Each structure stands twice: as structure tokens, then as C-alpha cells.
Amino acid sequence: MSDDHCRSSASSSTSGESPTHPAPPVPHVRVLGAFSLRTGDQPVPLPVDSRRLVAYLAVHPRPQPTAALAADLWPGVDPAPAARLLDEAVAGVDVPGLLAADDLGRLHLDDAVTVDLAEAMLLVRGLSAGSTDSVLVTVREIGCPETRLLEADVLPSWTAPWIAVERERFRQLRLSAMEGLSATLTAADRHDDAVAVARRAVSGAPSRERSRRALVEALLAGGHVADALAEHEEFQRLLRNSVGATADSELDRLLAPLDSGWPLGPGLHRPVQRWGVGMPGSRAGHRPGRRLAAGAPASGR
């Protein structure tokens, strides 16, 4: 058999193979600041009820029983009509690989779907877990981590009852994480980064004393005494406008004159880490289930 024939046979065999198709892009759900659904670079529009369904599953990563899910999404509606509305919402999600159901019929987003809230939870866990020393070493080696995911609330313009608890829960977690990160950056002598992170926390909660204290500590540690006093005055002004009085606080005591070299006295250059965040996993493990075909009813009817 000639070499030409061998090459010809190999070419024919290769040309006969079925072409491979690239995997479809993974859906990405955004719920921080606003809702959006994208596959790759393309936005995906959804009907109103389908959008609410996907948002609910993004905020509640565990598999959801359909009866409880319908009751939360349509409070006050009888179970049978609510189940029909849920089926219609599922049918409106015509995005392959987005919805799935486990072997008990509970709905959840497919494991491959990415969610910005889950990514933010992982960041909070990374900033809050482990010892202060280990976080300090990491900050010294890589600098200030990206905090963009910690600067927005969960669906701030949505008024549904089910979102209020999760929004406030995440708000407390993200603010505490940024306050702790600011203290860690201050301890690592990264004063500009510490101030920047604390300012982001204050912008999200101007009347929150712990955020303002983190900012004042960072400013004092960097030698910005006038700015620290200005922040204290602004905080006092906000309290007077909101409650009409200013109670004694840790922030007042922080800025009180000290015998040993106020305002940069003991403890101000190296504020200790004061707050820890008990952070559950961003996505609880569950038994693998079947993917839910687009348009399939959720209730199994």
C-alpha cells in the first residue's frame, strides 16, 4: 500500500468525523444592584413572573419545594392557582441549562449557573474565615482584594416580602466584611486602601457607627487627623438629624483626648479586628438531580 493511499485514507477518515460543537455559554444571574440574566455576552429577557422565579432561586440556593416556592412568590393566592402560576413562570424560562429539579421535584438553578450573590458570599467567607493573622499575611502579599461585589444590596428596588430578610442579611454581612478588611489593611500599613474600603462601607450605611469607626481608625493610622475629626462631626450631624440627640459611643471614646499623645494614642495605629461574621456556605450541597427542560411544568402535573 502506497504512502499516498495511506494519506488519502486518513484524510477521508478525518473528513468523515462529525463536527464538534462548542458548549453553550453558561448562564449568569445578577441580583446585586439590579436583576439581569445573561448567556455569554447576550442579555436574556424574561417575562415578569419568570424573572421573579429566577431571582428567588438565585437568592435561595438550596432546592425549593414547589408548594413553598409558589406560596412565597404569590402570597395570598390559593395553592392551586399559585401552582399554575409557577408552571407558567417555569415555562417562560426558555434558557437551556438554567433551571433544574432534584429527585424530589424541588427546583433550583443548575449547578453550572453562576450568580453574583454566590460569588460575593465566597468573598465574605474568605475575608471572615480563618485567623486574623492569615488574612493579614494574604493582604500583605496581594494587596487589597476587589470589593465591587460587596458594594450593592440585593435587588434594592424590589419590594416583595421574601426579599427583605435576605437583603438585610447580606447587607450586614457585606458591611461587616468591609469593616474588617479595612482594619486588616490598616494593620498591614496599607492606609490608603484601608480608607478607600471604609469609605465604601460608609457610603452604603452613613449612620452605621462601626463603618464610620473603621474609617476614622484608618484615617488616624494614616495621620489624617483633620479628616478623622471631620468624619466624626459628620456622623454626629447625621445622628442629630435622625434622632435629635447623640448618645455616647465608641467613636466618641476613640477620639477623646488621651494622656499619651492624643490623637494618635495607643491602639490607634493598629486597631484590632473586632467583628467576625458567621457565614454559612454560599451553596449548600444537595443530591444531584435532573435538569429541567425548558418549558416543563414544575409541579409535575
Protein backbone atom coordinates (compact mmCIF):
# COMPACT_ATOMS: atom_id res chain seq x y z
CA MET A 1 0.00 0.00 0.00
CA SER A 2 1.45 3.34 -1.05
CA ASP A 3 2.07 6.28 1.26
CA ASP A 4 -0.26 8.37 -0.90
CA HIS A 5 -3.07 5.89 -0.37
CA CYS A 6 -2.47 5.91 3.40
CA ARG A 7 -2.63 9.70 3.46
CA SER A 8 -5.78 9.63 1.35
CA SER A 9 -7.44 7.12 3.66
CA ALA A 10 -6.52 9.14 6.75
CA SER A 11 -7.88 12.29 5.13
CA SER A 12 -11.14 10.54 4.26
CA SER A 13 -11.48 9.20 7.79
CA THR A 14 -10.91 12.62 9.31
CA SER A 15 -13.34 14.32 6.97
CA GLY A 16 -15.99 11.76 7.85
CA GLU A 17 -15.93 12.61 11.54
CA SER A 18 -18.89 14.56 12.84
CA PRO A 19 -18.00 18.17 13.64
CA THR A 20 -17.78 19.13 17.30
CA HIS A 21 -19.94 21.96 18.57
CA PRO A 22 -18.77 24.33 21.28
CA ALA A 23 -20.52 24.06 24.62
CA PRO A 24 -23.31 26.60 25.10
CA PRO A 25 -22.36 29.58 27.26
CA VAL A 26 -23.07 29.26 30.98
CA PRO A 27 -25.95 31.44 32.20
CA HIS A 28 -25.07 34.18 34.68
CA VAL A 29 -27.63 35.71 37.05
CA ARG A 30 -27.13 39.11 38.62
CA VAL A 31 -29.11 40.18 41.69
CA LEU A 32 -26.74 42.73 43.27
CA GLY A 33 -27.88 46.25 42.46
CA ALA A 34 -30.33 45.07 39.79
CA PHE A 35 -31.56 41.90 38.12
CA SER A 36 -30.18 40.59 34.86
CA LEU A 37 -29.75 37.26 33.12
CA ARG A 38 -27.03 36.74 30.52
CA THR A 39 -25.71 33.84 28.49
CA GLY A 40 -22.22 34.74 27.42
CA ASP A 41 -22.35 38.41 26.44
CA GLN A 42 -26.02 38.36 25.50
CA PRO A 43 -28.78 39.61 27.82
CA VAL A 44 -31.79 37.31 28.05
CA PRO A 45 -35.21 38.94 28.54
CA LEU A 46 -37.72 37.09 30.71
CA PRO A 47 -41.41 37.53 31.47
CA VAL A 48 -42.08 39.23 34.81
CA ASP A 49 -43.03 36.07 36.74
CA SER A 50 -40.14 34.11 35.23
CA ARG A 51 -37.76 36.87 36.28
CA ARG A 52 -39.08 36.71 39.84
CA LEU A 53 -38.66 32.93 39.86
CA VAL A 54 -35.05 33.04 38.68
CA ALA A 55 -34.23 35.83 41.15
CA TYR A 56 -35.76 33.86 44.02
CA LEU A 57 -33.71 30.77 43.18
CA ALA A 58 -30.55 32.90 42.86
CA VAL A 59 -31.08 34.34 46.33
CA HIS A 60 -32.10 30.97 47.85
CA PRO A 61 -29.52 28.49 46.50
CA ARG A 62 -30.97 25.39 48.17
CA PRO A 63 -33.54 23.30 46.23
CA GLN A 64 -37.00 24.75 46.85
CA PRO A 65 -40.19 22.66 47.27
CA THR A 66 -42.61 23.89 44.64
CA ALA A 67 -45.51 24.45 47.06
CA ALA A 68 -43.44 26.68 49.35
CA LEU A 69 -41.87 28.42 46.35
CA ALA A 70 -45.29 29.25 44.86
CA ALA A 71 -46.54 30.48 48.24
CA ASP A 72 -43.58 32.86 48.61
CA LEU A 73 -43.78 34.19 45.07
CA TRP A 74 -47.56 34.67 45.12
CA PRO A 75 -48.53 35.33 48.76
CA GLY A 76 -52.26 35.39 49.35
CA VAL A 77 -53.01 33.25 46.28
CA ASP A 78 -54.63 29.86 46.87
CA PRO A 79 -52.29 26.85 46.40
CA ALA A 80 -53.83 25.57 43.14
CA PRO A 81 -53.72 28.91 41.26
CA ALA A 82 -50.25 29.59 42.68
CA ALA A 83 -49.04 26.22 41.35
CA ARG A 84 -50.38 27.11 37.90
CA LEU A 85 -48.60 30.47 38.03
CA LEU A 86 -45.38 28.67 38.95
CA ASP A 87 -45.76 26.30 35.99
CA GLU A 88 -46.24 29.28 33.69
CA ALA A 89 -43.19 31.00 35.15
CA VAL A 90 -41.07 27.89 34.57
CA ALA A 91 -42.38 27.58 31.01
CA GLY A 92 -41.32 31.19 30.39
CA VAL A 93 -37.69 30.38 31.22
CA ASP A 94 -36.64 29.22 27.78
CA VAL A 95 -32.93 29.05 28.64
CA PRO A 96 -31.24 25.62 28.40
CA GLY A 97 -29.22 24.71 31.46
CA LEU A 98 -30.71 27.35 33.74
CA LEU A 99 -33.32 25.51 35.83
CA ALA A 100 -33.06 22.05 37.33
CA ALA A 101 -35.03 19.83 39.71
CA ASP A 102 -33.75 17.26 42.16
CA ASP A 103 -35.18 13.76 42.58
CA LEU A 104 -37.84 15.14 44.94
CA GLY A 105 -39.03 17.63 42.35
CA ARG A 106 -37.60 20.63 44.16
CA LEU A 107 -36.48 23.49 41.93
CA HIS A 108 -33.05 25.13 41.89
CA LEU A 109 -30.68 26.79 39.47
CA ASP A 110 -28.45 24.34 37.65
CA ASP A 111 -25.10 23.82 39.36
CA ALA A 112 -23.24 25.33 36.39
CA VAL A 113 -25.11 28.65 36.60
CA THR A 114 -23.06 31.49 38.10
CA VAL A 115 -24.67 34.01 40.45
CA ASP A 116 -23.03 37.26 41.59
CA LEU A 117 -24.51 36.89 45.09
CA ALA A 118 -22.88 33.47 45.49
CA GLU A 119 -19.55 34.98 44.38
CA ALA A 120 -19.99 37.78 46.92
CA MET A 121 -20.73 35.26 49.66
CA LEU A 122 -17.50 33.43 48.86
CA LEU A 123 -15.61 36.72 49.13
CA VAL A 124 -17.23 37.44 52.51
CA ARG A 125 -16.30 33.96 53.69
CA GLY A 126 -12.70 34.46 52.55
CA LEU A 127 -12.45 37.76 54.42
CA SER A 128 -14.15 36.42 57.55
CA ALA A 129 -12.91 32.85 57.89
CA GLY A 130 -9.64 31.80 59.41
CA SER A 131 -7.39 33.76 61.72
CA THR A 132 -6.72 37.47 61.51
CA ASP A 133 -3.03 36.70 61.02
CA SER A 134 -3.70 34.58 57.91
CA VAL A 135 -5.83 37.32 56.36
CA LEU A 136 -3.15 39.86 57.25
CA VAL A 137 -0.46 37.81 55.51
CA THR A 138 -2.65 37.50 52.41
CA VAL A 139 -3.29 41.24 52.32
CA ARG A 140 0.41 41.98 52.68
CA GLU A 141 1.21 39.65 49.79
CA ILE A 142 -1.54 40.54 47.27
CA GLY A 143 -2.80 43.93 48.44
CA CYS A 144 -6.43 44.96 48.70
CA PRO A 145 -8.89 42.44 47.23
CA GLU A 146 -11.60 43.62 44.85
CA THR A 147 -14.69 44.67 46.84
CA ARG A 148 -17.04 45.58 43.99
CA LEU A 149 -19.34 42.66 44.83
CA LEU A 150 -19.72 43.97 48.39
CA GLU A 151 -20.90 47.44 47.44
CA ALA A 152 -24.50 46.81 46.38
CA ASP A 153 -27.61 45.44 48.06
CA VAL A 154 -29.70 42.52 46.84
CA LEU A 155 -32.36 43.82 44.42
CA PRO A 156 -32.69 47.17 46.21
CA SER A 157 -35.71 48.36 44.17
CA TRP A 158 -37.75 45.17 44.69
CA THR A 159 -40.47 45.28 47.33
CA ALA A 160 -41.55 41.62 47.54
CA PRO A 161 -41.74 40.38 51.16
CA TRP A 162 -39.44 37.42 50.51
CA ILE A 163 -36.51 39.63 49.53
CA ALA A 164 -36.45 41.88 52.61
CA VAL A 165 -34.86 39.39 55.03
CA GLU A 166 -32.23 38.21 52.55
CA ARG A 167 -31.39 41.78 51.55
CA GLU A 168 -30.78 42.84 55.16
CA ARG A 169 -28.86 39.66 55.93
CA PHE A 170 -26.46 40.22 53.05
CA ARG A 171 -26.19 43.92 53.88
CA GLN A 172 -24.97 43.14 57.39
CA LEU A 173 -22.52 40.55 56.07
CA ARG A 174 -21.02 42.75 53.38
CA LEU A 175 -20.63 45.78 55.65
CA SER A 176 -19.00 43.71 58.38
CA ALA A 177 -16.63 42.19 55.83
CA MET A 178 -15.57 45.60 54.54
CA GLU A 179 -15.13 46.95 58.07
CA GLY A 180 -12.92 44.00 58.97
CA LEU A 181 -10.96 44.33 55.72
CA SER A 182 -10.32 48.00 56.42
CA ALA A 183 -8.92 47.13 59.86
CA THR A 184 -6.71 44.43 58.32
CA LEU A 185 -5.42 46.83 55.67
CA THR A 186 -4.63 49.37 58.38
CA ALA A 187 -2.68 46.74 60.30
CA ALA A 188 -0.75 45.97 57.12
CA ASP A 189 0.16 49.68 56.74
CA ARG A 190 -1.93 49.98 53.59
CA HIS A 191 -3.61 53.12 54.85
CA ASP A 192 -4.91 54.45 51.54
CA ASP A 193 -6.57 51.11 50.75
CA ALA A 194 -7.98 50.95 54.28
CA VAL A 195 -9.53 54.41 53.92
CA ALA A 196 -10.95 53.58 50.49
CA VAL A 197 -12.61 50.37 51.70
CA ALA A 198 -14.01 52.05 54.81
CA ARG A 199 -15.41 54.90 52.72
CA ARG A 200 -17.28 52.37 50.58
CA ALA A 201 -18.79 50.88 53.72
CA VAL A 202 -19.78 54.33 55.00
CA SER A 203 -21.34 55.26 51.66
CA GLY A 204 -23.59 52.21 51.96
CA ALA A 205 -24.56 52.92 55.58
CA PRO A 206 -23.74 56.52 56.60
CA SER A 207 -25.37 56.17 60.04
CA ARG A 208 -23.68 52.87 60.91
CA GLU A 209 -21.22 53.52 63.72
CA ARG A 210 -18.96 50.53 63.03
CA SER A 211 -18.39 51.59 59.43
CA ARG A 212 -17.66 55.16 60.49
CA ARG A 213 -15.31 53.95 63.22
CA ALA A 214 -13.39 51.83 60.70
CA LEU A 215 -12.97 54.92 58.54
CA VAL A 216 -11.85 57.11 61.46
CA GLU A 217 -9.33 54.46 62.58
CA ALA A 218 -7.92 54.19 59.07
CA LEU A 219 -7.61 57.97 58.77
CA LEU A 220 -5.92 58.30 62.15
CA ALA A 221 -3.48 55.50 61.39
CA GLY A 222 -2.53 57.28 58.17
CA GLY A 223 -2.01 60.56 60.01
CA HIS A 224 -5.13 62.30 58.60
CA VAL A 225 -6.31 63.76 61.90
CA ALA A 226 -8.39 66.60 60.47
CA ASP A 227 -10.22 64.21 58.14
CA ALA A 228 -10.91 61.84 61.03
CA LEU A 229 -12.41 64.67 63.09
CA ALA A 230 -14.49 65.76 60.09
CA GLU A 231 -15.90 62.24 59.75
CA HIS A 232 -16.80 62.26 63.44
CA GLU A 233 -18.58 65.60 63.06
CA GLU A 234 -20.49 64.32 60.03
CA PHE A 235 -21.56 61.25 61.98
CA GLN A 236 -22.74 63.42 64.89
CA ARG A 237 -24.69 65.62 62.46
CA LEU A 238 -26.45 62.60 60.97
CA LEU A 239 -27.43 61.36 64.42
CA ARG A 240 -28.77 64.77 65.45
CA ASN A 241 -30.86 64.99 62.27
CA SER A 242 -32.24 61.47 62.62
CA VAL A 243 -32.84 61.01 66.37
CA GLY A 244 -32.35 64.51 67.74
CA ALA A 245 -29.56 63.52 70.14
CA THR A 246 -26.12 61.96 70.11
CA ALA A 247 -25.51 59.26 72.67
CA ASP A 248 -22.06 58.39 73.94
CA SER A 249 -20.42 55.89 71.60
CA GLU A 250 -17.19 54.02 70.91
CA LEU A 251 -16.45 56.57 68.23
CA ASP A 252 -16.54 59.39 70.82
CA ARG A 253 -14.21 57.48 73.08
CA LEU A 254 -11.87 56.76 70.19
CA LEU A 255 -11.43 60.48 69.57
CA ALA A 256 -11.36 61.53 73.24
CA PRO A 257 -8.04 63.18 74.25
CA LEU A 258 -5.55 60.69 75.62
CA ASP A 259 -2.73 61.40 78.01
CA SER A 260 -0.17 59.65 75.83
CA GLY A 261 -0.07 61.71 72.67
CA TRP A 262 -3.65 62.21 71.51
CA PRO A 263 -4.97 61.85 68.87
CA LEU A 264 -2.56 59.12 67.80
CA GLY A 265 -2.51 57.31 71.10
CA PRO A 266 -2.16 53.63 71.99
CA GLY A 267 -4.23 51.29 69.88
CA LEU A 268 -4.97 53.77 67.10
CA HIS A 269 -2.13 52.79 64.79
CA ARG A 270 -3.05 49.12 64.94
CA PRO A 271 -6.80 48.74 65.52
CA VAL A 272 -7.65 45.20 66.42
CA GLN A 273 -10.12 43.10 64.47
CA ARG A 274 -13.34 43.40 66.41
CA TRP A 275 -16.04 41.76 64.37
CA GLY A 276 -16.40 38.29 62.94
CA VAL A 277 -19.08 37.13 60.52
CA GLY A 278 -20.62 33.70 60.87
CA MET A 279 -21.00 32.83 57.19
CA PRO A 280 -22.94 29.82 56.03
CA GLY A 281 -21.91 28.20 52.78
CA SER A 282 -22.92 30.08 49.68
CA ARG A 283 -24.49 26.98 48.21
CA ALA A 284 -25.46 24.02 50.34
CA GLY A 285 -24.67 20.62 48.94
CA HIS A 286 -27.55 18.62 47.60
CA ARG A 287 -28.06 15.41 45.74
CA PRO A 288 -27.56 15.73 42.01
CA GLY A 289 -30.85 15.86 40.15
CA ARG A 290 -32.18 16.08 36.69
CA ARG A 291 -32.02 19.16 34.56
CA LEU A 292 -35.39 20.69 33.94
CA ALA A 293 -36.14 21.01 30.27
CA ALA A 294 -37.20 24.48 29.18
CA GLY A 295 -40.97 24.76 29.30
CA ALA A 296 -41.52 21.71 31.52
CA PRO A 297 -44.09 22.12 34.32
CA ALA A 298 -42.61 22.50 37.79
CA SER A 299 -45.42 20.73 39.62
CA GLY A 300 -45.12 17.52 37.59
CA ARG A 301 -48.74 17.66 36.55
